[in-house]
Amino acid sequence: MIGTLLAIALGGALGALSRYGMTLGVGLLWPTVFPLATFLINLLGCLVMGILYGVWLNRPELSPLLQQGLMIGFLGAFTTFSTFSLDAWRLLENDQGLMALGYILLSVCLGLTATWAGLMLTR
């Protein structure tokens, strides 16, 4: 249990620092109004999540600590969008297309609504 927590914490710290660094770098290279850094981080996180998920499906003997450190810790801090995408993909894989669609629409629409509500509470 302690090993798992340490792996997630270390991965999370590295993921958060990576996100910050990439945000700064993208902002310096391509300044724009569009949230390009977040968009690229989310896409990269989804790509890496898919790769890691595939690796562990094909190689279950690989270290669970490494999996948790990378998938929960690093990618969880780097981008939560990758986890959202994997959850939606798993629903689709399990022939739960309608549930996947509902999950996607509700997550995006209610997420935007919750963000708006949070902003309104601070104004």
PDB file of N, CA and C in Angstrom:
ATOM      1  N   MET A   1       0.818  -1.201   0.000  1.00  0.00           N
ATOM      2  CA  MET A   1       0.000   0.000   0.000  1.00  0.00           C
ATOM      3  C   MET A   1       0.860   1.262   0.000  1.00  0.00           C
ATOM      4  N   ILE A   2       1.894   1.288   0.829  1.00  0.00           N
ATOM      5  CA  ILE A   2       2.776   2.456   0.889  1.00  0.00           C
ATOM      6  C   ILE A   2       3.490   2.626  -0.452  1.00  0.00           C
ATOM      7  N   GLY A   3       3.932   1.514  -1.043  1.00  0.00           N
ATOM      8  CA  GLY A   3       4.596   1.574  -2.346  1.00  0.00           C
ATOM      9  C   GLY A   3       3.696   2.155  -3.416  1.00  0.00           C
ATOM     10  N   THR A   4       2.431   1.766  -3.397  1.00  0.00           N
ATOM     11  CA  THR A   4       1.461   2.293  -4.356  1.00  0.00           C
ATOM     12  C   THR A   4       1.292   3.791  -4.187  1.00  0.00           C
ATOM     13  N   LEU A   5       1.123   4.224  -2.954  1.00  0.00           N
ATOM     14  CA  LEU A   5       0.947   5.656  -2.685  1.00  0.00           C
ATOM     15  C   LEU A   5       2.166   6.459  -3.113  1.00  0.00           C
ATOM     16  N   LEU A   6       3.348   5.920  -2.846  1.00  0.00           N
ATOM     17  CA  LEU A   6       4.575   6.620  -3.250  1.00  0.00           C
ATOM     18  C   LEU A   6       4.701   6.681  -4.775  1.00  0.00           C
ATOM     19  N   ALA A   7       4.366   5.594  -5.454  1.00  0.00           N
ATOM     20  CA  ALA A   7       4.430   5.582  -6.920  1.00  0.00           C
ATOM     21  C   ALA A   7       3.466   6.602  -7.516  1.00  0.00           C
ATOM     22  N   ILE A   8       2.265   6.675  -6.975  1.00  0.00           N
ATOM     23  CA  ILE A   8       1.271   7.635  -7.465  1.00  0.00           C
ATOM     24  C   ILE A   8       1.706   9.059  -7.149  1.00  0.00           C
ATOM     25  N   ALA A   9       2.224   9.277  -5.942  1.00  0.00           N
ATOM     26  CA  ALA A   9       2.665  10.620  -5.557  1.00  0.00           C
ATOM     27  C   ALA A   9       3.829  11.095  -6.429  1.00  0.00           C
ATOM     28  N   LEU A  10       4.799  10.234  -6.656  1.00  0.00           N
ATOM     29  CA  LEU A  10       5.941  10.601  -7.496  1.00  0.00           C
ATOM     30  C   LEU A  10       5.486  10.856  -8.929  1.00  0.00           C
ATOM     31  N   GLY A  11       4.666   9.958  -9.447  1.00  0.00           N
ATOM     32  CA  GLY A  11       4.137  10.160 -10.797  1.00  0.00           C
ATOM     33  C   GLY A  11       3.333  11.440 -10.899  1.00  0.00           C
ATOM     34  N   GLY A  12       2.522  11.718  -9.884  1.00  0.00           N
ATOM     35  CA  GLY A  12       1.709  12.933  -9.876  1.00  0.00           C
ATOM     36  C   GLY A  12       2.560  14.194  -9.872  1.00  0.00           C
ATOM     37  N   ALA A  13       3.603  14.192  -9.061  1.00  0.00           N
ATOM     38  CA  ALA A  13       4.493  15.357  -9.020  1.00  0.00           C
ATOM     39  C   ALA A  13       5.148  15.576 -10.379  1.00  0.00           C
ATOM     40  N   LEU A  14       5.623  14.503 -10.988  1.00  0.00           N
ATOM     41  CA  LEU A  14       6.264  14.623 -12.299  1.00  0.00           C
ATOM     42  C   LEU A  14       5.262  15.028 -13.382  1.00  0.00           C
ATOM     43  N   GLY A  15       4.051  14.516 -13.294  1.00  0.00           N
ATOM     44  CA  GLY A  15       3.015  14.880 -14.258  1.00  0.00           C
ATOM     45  C   GLY A  15       2.637  16.347 -14.158  1.00  0.00           C
ATOM     46  N   ALA A  16       2.488  16.837 -12.934  1.00  0.00           N
ATOM     47  CA  ALA A  16       2.130  18.247 -12.733  1.00  0.00           C
ATOM     48  C   ALA A  16       3.238  19.163 -13.238  1.00  0.00           C
ATOM     49  N   LEU A  17       4.482  18.810 -12.937  1.00  0.00           N
ATOM     50  CA  LEU A  17       5.609  19.617 -13.416  1.00  0.00           C
ATOM     51  C   LEU A  17       5.714  19.576 -14.940  1.00  0.00           C
ATOM     52  N   SER A  18       5.435  18.425 -15.517  1.00  0.00           N
ATOM     53  CA  SER A  18       5.470  18.293 -16.976  1.00  0.00           C
ATOM     54  C   SER A  18       4.382  19.138 -17.624  1.00  0.00           C
ATOM     55  N   ARG A  19       3.207  19.124 -17.031  1.00  0.00           N
ATOM     56  CA  ARG A  19       2.106  19.944 -17.559  1.00  0.00           C
ATOM     57  C   ARG A  19       2.475  21.418 -17.508  1.00  0.00           C
ATOM     58  N   TYR A  20       3.021  21.855 -16.393  1.00  0.00           N
ATOM     59  CA  TYR A  20       3.408  23.254 -16.242  1.00  0.00           C
ATOM     60  C   TYR A  20       4.483  23.623 -17.266  1.00  0.00           C
ATOM     61  N   GLY A  21       5.487  22.772 -17.400  1.00  0.00           N
ATOM     62  CA  GLY A  21       6.551  23.038 -18.359  1.00  0.00           C
ATOM     63  C   GLY A  21       6.054  23.092 -19.784  1.00  0.00           C
ATOM     64  N   MET A  22       5.189  22.160 -20.140  1.00  0.00           N
ATOM     65  CA  MET A  22       4.655  22.145 -21.499  1.00  0.00           C
ATOM     66  C   MET A  22       3.764  23.358 -21.748  1.00  0.00           C
ATOM     67  N   THR A  23       3.003  23.764 -20.750  1.00  0.00           N
ATOM     68  CA  THR A  23       2.154  24.952 -20.883  1.00  0.00           C
ATOM     69  C   THR A  23       3.012  26.186 -21.140  1.00  0.00           C
ATOM     70  N   LEU A  24       4.088  26.328 -20.383  1.00  0.00           N
ATOM     71  CA  LEU A  24       4.987  27.467 -20.597  1.00  0.00           C
ATOM     72  C   LEU A  24       5.630  27.409 -21.985  1.00  0.00           C
ATOM     73  N   GLY A  25       6.137  26.248 -22.348  1.00  0.00           N
ATOM     74  CA  GLY A  25       6.819  26.093 -23.632  1.00  0.00           C
ATOM     75  C   GLY A  25       5.921  26.366 -24.821  1.00  0.00           C
ATOM     76  N   VAL A  26       4.737  25.785 -24.811  1.00  0.00           N
ATOM     77  CA  VAL A  26       3.800  25.993 -25.920  1.00  0.00           C
ATOM     78  C   VAL A  26       3.388  27.456 -25.981  1.00  0.00           C
ATOM     79  N   GLY A  27       3.162  28.076 -24.820  1.00  0.00           N
ATOM     80  CA  GLY A  27       2.785  29.488 -24.788  1.00  0.00           C
ATOM     81  C   GLY A  27       3.867  30.401 -25.359  1.00  0.00           C
ATOM     82  N   LEU A  28       5.109  30.053 -25.120  1.00  0.00           N
ATOM     83  CA  LEU A  28       6.216  30.847 -25.666  1.00  0.00           C
ATOM     84  C   LEU A  28       6.382  30.634 -27.165  1.00  0.00           C
ATOM     85  N   LEU A  29       6.238  29.397 -27.605  1.00  0.00           N
ATOM     86  CA  LEU A  29       6.439  29.079 -29.023  1.00  0.00           C
ATOM     87  C   LEU A  29       5.268  29.512 -29.898  1.00  0.00           C
ATOM     88  N   TRP A  30       4.048  29.323 -29.404  1.00  0.00           N
ATOM     89  CA  TRP A  30       2.860  29.612 -30.196  1.00  0.00           C
ATOM     90  C   TRP A  30       1.826  30.379 -29.378  1.00  0.00           C
ATOM     91  N   PRO A  31       2.064  31.652 -29.117  1.00  0.00           N
ATOM     92  CA  PRO A  31       1.076  32.424 -28.348  1.00  0.00           C
ATOM     93  C   PRO A  31      -0.225  32.567 -29.146  1.00  0.00           C
ATOM     94  N   THR A  32      -1.325  32.229 -28.505  1.00  0.00           N
ATOM     95  CA  THR A  32      -2.628  32.259 -29.169  1.00  0.00           C
ATOM     96  C   THR A  32      -3.729  32.369 -28.123  1.00  0.00           C
ATOM     97  N   VAL A  33      -4.898  32.808 -28.557  1.00  0.00           N
ATOM     98  CA  VAL A  33      -6.053  32.870 -27.664  1.00  0.00           C
ATOM     99  C   VAL A  33      -6.603  31.474 -27.420  1.00  0.00           C
ATOM    100  N   PHE A  34      -6.533  30.610 -28.441  1.00  0.00           N
ATOM    101  CA  PHE A  34      -6.994  29.222 -28.317  1.00  0.00           C
ATOM    102  C   PHE A  34      -6.141  28.514 -27.267  1.00  0.00           C
ATOM    103  N   PRO A  35      -6.757  27.731 -26.374  1.00  0.00           N
ATOM    104  CA  PRO A  35      -5.980  27.034 -25.333  1.00  0.00           C
ATOM    105  C   PRO A  35      -5.163  25.876 -25.915  1.00  0.00           C
ATOM    106  N   LEU A  36      -4.199  26.219 -26.754  1.00  0.00           N
ATOM    107  CA  LEU A  36      -3.415  25.231 -27.482  1.00  0.00           C
ATOM    108  C   LEU A  36      -2.655  24.295 -26.548  1.00  0.00           C
ATOM    109  N   ALA A  37      -2.053  24.844 -25.506  1.00  0.00           N
ATOM    110  CA  ALA A  37      -1.275  23.997 -24.591  1.00  0.00           C
ATOM    111  C   ALA A  37      -2.164  22.930 -23.956  1.00  0.00           C
ATOM    112  N   THR A  38      -3.313  23.329 -23.444  1.00  0.00           N
ATOM    113  CA  THR A  38      -4.229  22.370 -22.820  1.00  0.00           C
ATOM    114  C   THR A  38      -4.712  21.355 -23.840  1.00  0.00           C
ATOM    115  N   PHE A  39      -5.035  21.819 -25.029  1.00  0.00           N
ATOM    116  CA  PHE A  39      -5.493  20.934 -26.098  1.00  0.00           C
ATOM    117  C   PHE A  39      -4.427  19.895 -26.417  1.00  0.00           C
ATOM    118  N   LEU A  40      -3.170  20.343 -26.592  1.00  0.00           N
ATOM    119  CA  LEU A  40      -2.087  19.416 -26.907  1.00  0.00           C
ATOM    120  C   LEU A  40      -1.784  18.477 -25.750  1.00  0.00           C
ATOM    121  N   ILE A  41      -1.824  18.988 -24.532  1.00  0.00           N
ATOM    122  CA  ILE A  41      -1.594  18.160 -23.346  1.00  0.00           C
ATOM    123  C   ILE A  41      -2.658  17.067 -23.268  1.00  0.00           C
ATOM    124  N   ASN A  42      -3.909  17.432 -23.497  1.00  0.00           N
ATOM    125  CA  ASN A  42      -4.983  16.446 -23.438  1.00  0.00           C
ATOM    126  C   ASN A  42      -4.830  15.386 -24.515  1.00  0.00           C
ATOM    127  N   LEU A  43      -4.479  15.799 -25.726  1.00  0.00           N
ATOM    128  CA  LEU A  43      -4.290  14.826 -26.801  1.00  0.00           C
ATOM    129  C   LEU A  43      -3.095  13.920 -26.515  1.00  0.00           C
ATOM    130  N   LEU A  44      -1.991  14.500 -26.067  1.00  0.00           N
ATOM    131  CA  LEU A  44      -0.808  13.704 -25.743  1.00  0.00           C
ATOM    132  C   LEU A  44      -1.112  12.746 -24.596  1.00  0.00           C
ATOM    133  N   GLY A  45      -1.814  13.239 -23.573  1.00  0.00           N
ATOM    134  CA  GLY A  45      -2.184  12.389 -22.448  1.00  0.00           C
ATOM    135  C   GLY A  45      -3.058  11.225 -22.881  1.00  0.00           C
ATOM    136  N   CYS A  46      -3.995  11.487 -23.804  1.00  0.00           N
ATOM    137  CA  CYS A  46      -4.858  10.417 -24.312  1.00  0.00           C
ATOM    138  C   CYS A  46      -4.047   9.394 -25.091  1.00  0.00           C
ATOM    139  N   LEU A  47      -3.122   9.879 -25.911  1.00  0.00           N
ATOM    140  CA  LEU A  47      -2.278   8.972 -26.677  1.00  0.00           C
ATOM    141  C   LEU A  47      -1.457   8.082 -25.747  1.00  0.00           C
ATOM    142  N   VAL A  48      -0.829   8.685 -24.756  1.00  0.00           N
ATOM    143  CA  VAL A  48       0.000   7.931 -23.821  1.00  0.00           C
ATOM    144  C   VAL A  48      -0.854   6.977 -22.989  1.00  0.00           C
ATOM    145  N   MET A  49      -2.049   7.405 -22.575  1.00  0.00           N
ATOM    146  CA  MET A  49      -2.945   6.531 -21.812  1.00  0.00           C
ATOM    147  C   MET A  49      -3.303   5.305 -22.645  1.00  0.00           C
ATOM    148  N   GLY A  50      -3.617   5.516 -23.911  1.00  0.00           N
ATOM    149  CA  GLY A  50      -3.943   4.397 -24.788  1.00  0.00           C
ATOM    150  C   GLY A  50      -2.773   3.449 -24.968  1.00  0.00           C
ATOM    151  N   ILE A  51      -1.579   4.011 -25.126  1.00  0.00           N
ATOM    152  CA  ILE A  51      -0.380   3.188 -25.274  1.00  0.00           C
ATOM    153  C   ILE A  51      -0.148   2.363 -24.013  1.00  0.00           C
ATOM    154  N   LEU A  52      -0.184   3.014 -22.862  1.00  0.00           N
ATOM    155  CA  LEU A  52       0.066   2.302 -21.605  1.00  0.00           C
ATOM    156  C   LEU A  52      -0.997   1.245 -21.335  1.00  0.00           C
ATOM    157  N   TYR A  53      -2.253   1.574 -21.597  1.00  0.00           N
ATOM    158  CA  TYR A  53      -3.337   0.615 -21.406  1.00  0.00           C
ATOM    159  C   TYR A  53      -3.103  -0.608 -22.289  1.00  0.00           C
ATOM    160  N   GLY A  54      -2.732  -0.361 -23.541  1.00  0.00           N
ATOM    161  CA  GLY A  54      -2.446  -1.469 -24.449  1.00  0.00           C
ATOM    162  C   GLY A  54      -1.259  -2.301 -24.006  1.00  0.00           C
ATOM    163  N   VAL A  55      -0.225  -1.641 -23.518  1.00  0.00           N
ATOM    164  CA  VAL A  55       0.955  -2.363 -23.026  1.00  0.00           C
ATOM    165  C   VAL A  55       0.561  -3.277 -21.874  1.00  0.00           C
ATOM    166  N   TRP A  56      -0.197  -2.757 -20.917  1.00  0.00           N
ATOM    167  CA  TRP A  56      -0.555  -3.581 -19.756  1.00  0.00           C
ATOM    168  C   TRP A  56      -1.575  -4.656 -20.094  1.00  0.00           C
ATOM    169  N   LEU A  57      -2.395  -4.436 -21.103  1.00  0.00           N
ATOM    170  CA  LEU A  57      -3.293  -5.515 -21.534  1.00  0.00           C
ATOM    171  C   LEU A  57      -2.497  -6.673 -22.123  1.00  0.00           C
ATOM    172  N   ASN A  58      -1.454  -6.337 -22.859  1.00  0.00           N
ATOM    173  CA  ASN A  58      -0.635  -7.360 -23.518  1.00  0.00           C
ATOM    174  C   ASN A  58       0.471  -7.910 -22.630  1.00  0.00           C
ATOM    175  N   ARG A  59       0.829  -7.192 -21.593  1.00  0.00           N
ATOM    176  CA  ARG A  59       1.925  -7.613 -20.712  1.00  0.00           C
ATOM    177  C   ARG A  59       1.512  -7.463 -19.244  1.00  0.00           C
ATOM    178  N   PRO A  60       0.539  -8.245 -18.777  1.00  0.00           N
ATOM    179  CA  PRO A  60       0.030  -8.093 -17.415  1.00  0.00           C
ATOM    180  C   PRO A  60       1.075  -8.380 -16.335  1.00  0.00           C
ATOM    181  N   GLU A  61       2.189  -8.996 -16.713  1.00  0.00           N
ATOM    182  CA  GLU A  61       3.229  -9.287 -15.720  1.00  0.00           C
ATOM    183  C   GLU A  61       4.047  -8.047 -15.360  1.00  0.00           C
ATOM    184  N   LEU A  62       3.865  -6.959 -16.099  1.00  0.00           N
ATOM    185  CA  LEU A  62       4.600  -5.730 -15.790  1.00  0.00           C
ATOM    186  C   LEU A  62       4.180  -5.184 -14.427  1.00  0.00           C
ATOM    187  N   SER A  63       5.056  -4.455 -13.823  1.00  0.00           N
ATOM    188  CA  SER A  63       4.866  -3.952 -12.465  1.00  0.00           C
ATOM    189  C   SER A  63       3.585  -3.137 -12.289  1.00  0.00           C
ATOM    190  N   PRO A  64       2.729  -3.547 -11.355  1.00  0.00           N
ATOM    191  CA  PRO A  64       1.540  -2.749 -11.065  1.00  0.00           C
ATOM    192  C   PRO A  64       1.914  -1.383 -10.474  1.00  0.00           C
ATOM    193  N   LEU A  65       3.032  -1.311  -9.758  1.00  0.00           N
ATOM    194  CA  LEU A  65       3.466  -0.016  -9.216  1.00  0.00           C
ATOM    195  C   LEU A  65       3.810   0.954 -10.337  1.00  0.00           C
ATOM    196  N   LEU A  66       4.479   0.452 -11.356  1.00  0.00           N
ATOM    197  CA  LEU A  66       4.813   1.301 -12.504  1.00  0.00           C
ATOM    198  C   LEU A  66       3.538   1.741 -13.216  1.00  0.00           C
ATOM    199  N   GLN A  67       2.614   0.818 -13.387  1.00  0.00           N
ATOM    200  CA  GLN A  67       1.340   1.150 -14.032  1.00  0.00           C
ATOM    201  C   GLN A  67       0.609   2.235 -13.246  1.00  0.00           C
ATOM    202  N   GLN A  68       0.501   2.074 -11.946  1.00  0.00           N
ATOM    203  CA  GLN A  68      -0.207   3.053 -11.126  1.00  0.00           C
ATOM    204  C   GLN A  68       0.524   4.385 -11.097  1.00  0.00           C
ATOM    205  N   GLY A  69       1.848   4.335 -11.022  1.00  0.00           N
ATOM    206  CA  GLY A  69       2.625   5.569 -11.020  1.00  0.00           C
ATOM    207  C   GLY A  69       2.465   6.349 -12.311  1.00  0.00           C
ATOM    208  N   LEU A  70       2.438   5.629 -13.434  1.00  0.00           N
ATOM    209  CA  LEU A  70       2.317   6.299 -14.728  1.00  0.00           C
ATOM    210  C   LEU A  70       0.872   6.686 -15.060  1.00  0.00           C
ATOM    211  N   MET A  71      -0.052   5.732 -14.908  1.00  0.00           N
ATOM    212  CA  MET A  71      -1.418   5.984 -15.362  1.00  0.00           C
ATOM    213  C   MET A  71      -2.227   6.825 -14.378  1.00  0.00           C
ATOM    214  N   ILE A  72      -2.128   6.521 -13.105  1.00  0.00           N
ATOM    215  CA  ILE A  72      -2.893   7.289 -12.113  1.00  0.00           C
ATOM    216  C   ILE A  72      -2.128   8.546 -11.714  1.00  0.00           C
ATOM    217  N   GLY A  73      -0.849   8.372 -11.383  1.00  0.00           N
ATOM    218  CA  GLY A  73      -0.057   9.490 -10.903  1.00  0.00           C
ATOM    219  C   GLY A  73       0.305  10.476 -11.992  1.00  0.00           C
ATOM    220  N   PHE A  74       1.178  10.033 -12.922  1.00  0.00           N
ATOM    221  CA  PHE A  74       1.682  10.959 -13.940  1.00  0.00           C
ATOM    222  C   PHE A  74       0.562  11.509 -14.812  1.00  0.00           C
ATOM    223  N   LEU A  75      -0.189  10.609 -15.465  1.00  0.00           N
ATOM    224  CA  LEU A  75      -1.225  11.080 -16.385  1.00  0.00           C
ATOM    225  C   LEU A  75      -2.393  11.734 -15.646  1.00  0.00           C
ATOM    226  N   GLY A  76      -2.647  11.288 -14.424  1.00  0.00           N
ATOM    227  CA  GLY A  76      -3.700  11.921 -13.635  1.00  0.00           C
ATOM    228  C   GLY A  76      -3.398  13.373 -13.336  1.00  0.00           C
ATOM    229  N   ALA A  77      -2.126  13.682 -13.128  1.00  0.00           N
ATOM    230  CA  ALA A  77      -1.728  15.066 -12.877  1.00  0.00           C
ATOM    231  C   ALA A  77      -1.469  15.812 -14.178  1.00  0.00           C
ATOM    232  N   PHE A  78      -0.981  15.100 -15.184  1.00  0.00           N
ATOM    233  CA  PHE A  78      -0.690  15.730 -16.471  1.00  0.00           C
ATOM    234  C   PHE A  78      -1.984  16.151 -17.153  1.00  0.00           C
ATOM    235  N   THR A  79      -2.983  15.258 -17.140  1.00  0.00           N
ATOM    236  CA  THR A  79      -4.280  15.551 -17.729  1.00  0.00           C
ATOM    237  C   THR A  79      -5.321  14.564 -17.217  1.00  0.00           C
ATOM    238  N   THR A  80      -6.439  15.066 -16.765  1.00  0.00           N
ATOM    239  CA  THR A  80      -7.523  14.157 -16.389  1.00  0.00           C
ATOM    240  C   THR A  80      -8.333  13.763 -17.619  1.00  0.00           C
ATOM    241  N   PHE A  81      -8.126  14.453 -18.704  1.00  0.00           N
ATOM    242  CA  PHE A  81      -8.856  14.127 -19.929  1.00  0.00           C
ATOM    243  C   PHE A  81      -8.500  12.735 -20.428  1.00  0.00           C
ATOM    244  N   SER A  82      -7.271  12.318 -20.183  1.00  0.00           N
ATOM    245  CA  SER A  82      -6.859  10.988 -20.620  1.00  0.00           C
ATOM    246  C   SER A  82      -7.658   9.903 -19.902  1.00  0.00           C
ATOM    247  N   THR A  83      -7.905  10.094 -18.619  1.00  0.00           N
ATOM    248  CA  THR A  83      -8.702   9.131 -17.856  1.00  0.00           C
ATOM    249  C   THR A  83     -10.146   9.134 -18.341  1.00  0.00           C
ATOM    250  N   PHE A  84     -10.686  10.320 -18.570  1.00  0.00           N
ATOM    251  CA  PHE A  84     -12.035  10.451 -19.110  1.00  0.00           C
ATOM    252  C   PHE A  84     -12.154   9.690 -20.432  1.00  0.00           C
ATOM    253  N   SER A  85     -11.175   9.867 -21.305  1.00  0.00           N
ATOM    254  CA  SER A  85     -11.203   9.202 -22.608  1.00  0.00           C
ATOM    255  C   SER A  85     -11.120   7.691 -22.472  1.00  0.00           C
ATOM    256  N   LEU A  86     -10.272   7.222 -21.570  1.00  0.00           N
ATOM    257  CA  LEU A  86     -10.153   5.781 -21.364  1.00  0.00           C
ATOM    258  C   LEU A  86     -11.455   5.203 -20.820  1.00  0.00           C
ATOM    259  N   ASP A  87     -12.079   5.895 -19.883  1.00  0.00           N
ATOM    260  CA  ASP A  87     -13.357   5.427 -19.340  1.00  0.00           C
ATOM    261  C   ASP A  87     -14.403   5.330 -20.451  1.00  0.00           C
ATOM    262  N   ALA A  88     -14.466   6.340 -21.310  1.00  0.00           N
ATOM    263  CA  ALA A  88     -15.423   6.321 -22.418  1.00  0.00           C
ATOM    264  C   ALA A  88     -15.094   5.179 -23.381  1.00  0.00           C
ATOM    265  N   TRP A  89     -13.810   4.983 -23.650  1.00  0.00           N
ATOM    266  CA  TRP A  89     -13.391   3.905 -24.553  1.00  0.00           C
ATOM    267  C   TRP A  89     -13.768   2.539 -23.990  1.00  0.00           C
ATOM    268  N   ARG A  90     -13.595   2.357 -22.689  1.00  0.00           N
ATOM    269  CA  ARG A  90     -13.947   1.070 -22.071  1.00  0.00           C
ATOM    270  C   ARG A  90     -15.438   0.790 -22.206  1.00  0.00           C
ATOM    271  N   LEU A  91     -16.254   1.827 -22.054  1.00  0.00           N
ATOM    272  CA  LEU A  91     -17.688   1.644 -22.255  1.00  0.00           C
ATOM    273  C   LEU A  91     -17.971   1.216 -23.691  1.00  0.00           C
ATOM    274  N   LEU A  92     -17.318   1.869 -24.653  1.00  0.00           N
ATOM    275  CA  LEU A  92     -17.499   1.502 -26.057  1.00  0.00           C
ATOM    276  C   LEU A  92     -17.021   0.079 -26.323  1.00  0.00           C
ATOM    277  N   GLU A  93     -15.874  -0.299 -25.748  1.00  0.00           N
ATOM    278  CA  GLU A  93     -15.351  -1.652 -25.906  1.00  0.00           C
ATOM    279  C   GLU A  93     -16.319  -2.708 -25.393  1.00  0.00           C
ATOM    280  N   ASN A  94     -17.082  -2.352 -24.364  1.00  0.00           N
ATOM    281  CA  ASN A  94     -18.019  -3.291 -23.748  1.00  0.00           C
ATOM    282  C   ASN A  94     -19.423  -3.167 -24.338  1.00  0.00           C
ATOM    283  N   ASP A  95     -19.483  -2.651 -25.557  1.00  0.00           N
ATOM    284  CA  ASP A  95     -20.763  -2.525 -26.281  1.00  0.00           C
ATOM    285  C   ASP A  95     -21.794  -1.713 -25.504  1.00  0.00           C
ATOM    286  N   GLN A  96     -21.337  -0.681 -24.820  1.00  0.00           N
ATOM    287  CA  GLN A  96     -22.238   0.203 -24.087  1.00  0.00           C
ATOM    288  C   GLN A  96     -22.180   1.591 -24.724  1.00  0.00           C
ATOM    289  N   GLY A  97     -22.463   1.619 -26.038  1.00  0.00           N
ATOM    290  CA  GLY A  97     -22.361   2.854 -26.807  1.00  0.00           C
ATOM    291  C   GLY A  97     -23.255   3.965 -26.312  1.00  0.00           C
ATOM    292  N   LEU A  98     -24.480   3.635 -25.962  1.00  0.00           N
ATOM    293  CA  LEU A  98     -25.405   4.657 -25.477  1.00  0.00           C
ATOM    294  C   LEU A  98     -24.924   5.227 -24.144  1.00  0.00           C
ATOM    295  N   MET A  99     -24.422   4.355 -23.273  1.00  0.00           N
ATOM    296  CA  MET A  99     -23.897   4.823 -22.003  1.00  0.00           C
ATOM    297  C   MET A  99     -22.645   5.677 -22.224  1.00  0.00           C
ATOM    298  N   ALA A 100     -21.807   5.272 -23.177  1.00  0.00           N
ATOM    299  CA  ALA A 100     -20.603   6.052 -23.491  1.00  0.00           C
ATOM    300  C   ALA A 100     -20.994   7.441 -23.991  1.00  0.00           C
ATOM    301  N   LEU A 101     -21.969   7.502 -24.882  1.00  0.00           N
ATOM    302  CA  LEU A 101     -22.428   8.787 -25.397  1.00  0.00           C
ATOM    303  C   LEU A 101     -22.974   9.660 -24.271  1.00  0.00           C
ATOM    304  N   GLY A 102     -23.787   9.054 -23.401  1.00  0.00           N
ATOM    305  CA  GLY A 102     -24.314   9.789 -22.259  1.00  0.00           C
ATOM    306  C   GLY A 102     -23.213  10.294 -21.347  1.00  0.00           C
ATOM    307  N   TYR A 103     -22.254   9.443 -21.078  1.00  0.00           N
ATOM    308  CA  TYR A 103     -21.113   9.815 -20.230  1.00  0.00           C
ATOM    309  C   TYR A 103     -20.345  10.982 -20.841  1.00  0.00           C
ATOM    310  N   ILE A 104     -20.090  10.920 -22.133  1.00  0.00           N
ATOM    311  CA  ILE A 104     -19.346  11.978 -22.808  1.00  0.00           C
ATOM    312  C   ILE A 104     -20.126  13.293 -22.775  1.00  0.00           C
ATOM    313  N   LEU A 105     -21.385  13.227 -23.192  1.00  0.00           N
ATOM    314  CA  LEU A 105     -22.197  14.449 -23.232  1.00  0.00           C
ATOM    315  C   LEU A 105     -22.412  15.041 -21.845  1.00  0.00           C
ATOM    316  N   LEU A 106     -22.743  14.178 -20.884  1.00  0.00           N
ATOM    317  CA  LEU A 106     -22.953  14.678 -19.526  1.00  0.00           C
ATOM    318  C   LEU A 106     -21.668  15.243 -18.925  1.00  0.00           C
ATOM    319  N   SER A 107     -20.556  14.571 -19.145  1.00  0.00           N
ATOM    320  CA  SER A 107     -19.289  15.043 -18.592  1.00  0.00           C
ATOM    321  C   SER A 107     -18.920  16.411 -19.141  1.00  0.00           C
ATOM    322  N   VAL A 108     -19.039  16.557 -20.456  1.00  0.00           N
ATOM    323  CA  VAL A 108     -18.664  17.829 -21.072  1.00  0.00           C
ATOM    324  C   VAL A 108     -19.663  18.921 -20.693  1.00  0.00           C
ATOM    325  N   CYS A 109     -20.952  18.651 -20.875  1.00  0.00           N
ATOM    326  CA  CYS A 109     -21.964  19.685 -20.607  1.00  0.00           C
ATOM    327  C   CYS A 109     -22.044  20.051 -19.129  1.00  0.00           C
ATOM    328  N   LEU A 110     -22.081  19.041 -18.268  1.00  0.00           N
ATOM    329  CA  LEU A 110     -22.156  19.338 -16.835  1.00  0.00           C
ATOM    330  C   LEU A 110     -20.834  19.887 -16.309  1.00  0.00           C
ATOM    331  N   GLY A 111     -19.719  19.452 -16.908  1.00  0.00           N
ATOM    332  CA  GLY A 111     -18.424  20.016 -16.523  1.00  0.00           C
ATOM    333  C   GLY A 111     -18.367  21.503 -16.830  1.00  0.00           C
ATOM    334  N   LEU A 112     -18.822  21.884 -18.006  1.00  0.00           N
ATOM    335  CA  LEU A 112     -18.870  23.303 -18.359  1.00  0.00           C
ATOM    336  C   LEU A 112     -19.833  24.059 -17.446  1.00  0.00           C
ATOM    337  N   THR A 113     -20.973  23.445 -17.146  1.00  0.00           N
ATOM    338  CA  THR A 113     -21.939  24.079 -16.247  1.00  0.00           C
ATOM    339  C   THR A 113     -21.362  24.243 -14.847  1.00  0.00           C
ATOM    340  N   ALA A 114     -20.676  23.221 -14.356  1.00  0.00           N
ATOM    341  CA  ALA A 114     -20.060  23.310 -13.028  1.00  0.00           C
ATOM    342  C   ALA A 114     -18.970  24.373 -13.003  1.00  0.00           C
ATOM    343  N   THR A 115     -18.207  24.476 -14.079  1.00  0.00           N
ATOM    344  CA  THR A 115     -17.185  25.528 -14.154  1.00  0.00           C
ATOM    345  C   THR A 115     -17.836  26.901 -14.105  1.00  0.00           C
ATOM    346  N   TRP A 116     -18.902  27.075 -14.879  1.00  0.00           N
ATOM    347  CA  TRP A 116     -19.641  28.338 -14.863  1.00  0.00           C
ATOM    348  C   TRP A 116     -20.187  28.629 -13.466  1.00  0.00           C
ATOM    349  N   ALA A 117     -20.780  27.611 -12.829  1.00  0.00           N
ATOM    350  CA  ALA A 117     -21.345  27.796 -11.478  1.00  0.00           C
ATOM    351  C   ALA A 117     -20.264  28.201 -10.487  1.00  0.00           C
ATOM    352  N   GLY A 118     -19.104  27.537 -10.582  1.00  0.00           N
ATOM    353  CA  GLY A 118     -18.005  27.894  -9.699  1.00  0.00           C
ATOM    354  C   GLY A 118     -17.551  29.321  -9.903  1.00  0.00           C
ATOM    355  N   LEU A 119     -17.483  29.740 -11.149  1.00  0.00           N
ATOM    356  CA  LEU A 119     -17.101  31.126 -11.449  1.00  0.00           C
ATOM    357  C   LEU A 119     -18.138  32.087 -10.907  1.00  0.00           C
ATOM    358  N   MET A 120     -19.404  31.761 -11.077  1.00  0.00           N
ATOM    359  CA  MET A 120     -20.479  32.646 -10.597  1.00  0.00           C
ATOM    360  C   MET A 120     -20.436  32.768  -9.059  1.00  0.00           C
ATOM    361  N   LEU A 121     -20.079  31.710  -8.387  1.00  0.00           N
ATOM    362  CA  LEU A 121     -19.993  31.749  -6.924  1.00  0.00           C
ATOM    363  C   LEU A 121     -18.882  32.676  -6.436  1.00  0.00           C
ATOM    364  N   THR A 122     -17.891  32.914  -7.278  1.00  0.00           N
ATOM    365  CA  THR A 122     -16.789  33.778  -6.857  1.00  0.00           C
ATOM    366  C   THR A 122     -16.973  35.231  -7.293  1.00  0.00           C
ATOM    367  N   ARG A 123     -18.007  35.505  -8.036  1.00  0.00           N
ATOM    368  CA  ARG A 123     -18.206  36.891  -8.535  1.00  0.00           C
ATOM    369  C   ARG A 123     -19.152  37.660  -7.663  1.00  0.00           C
TER     370      ARG A 123
END
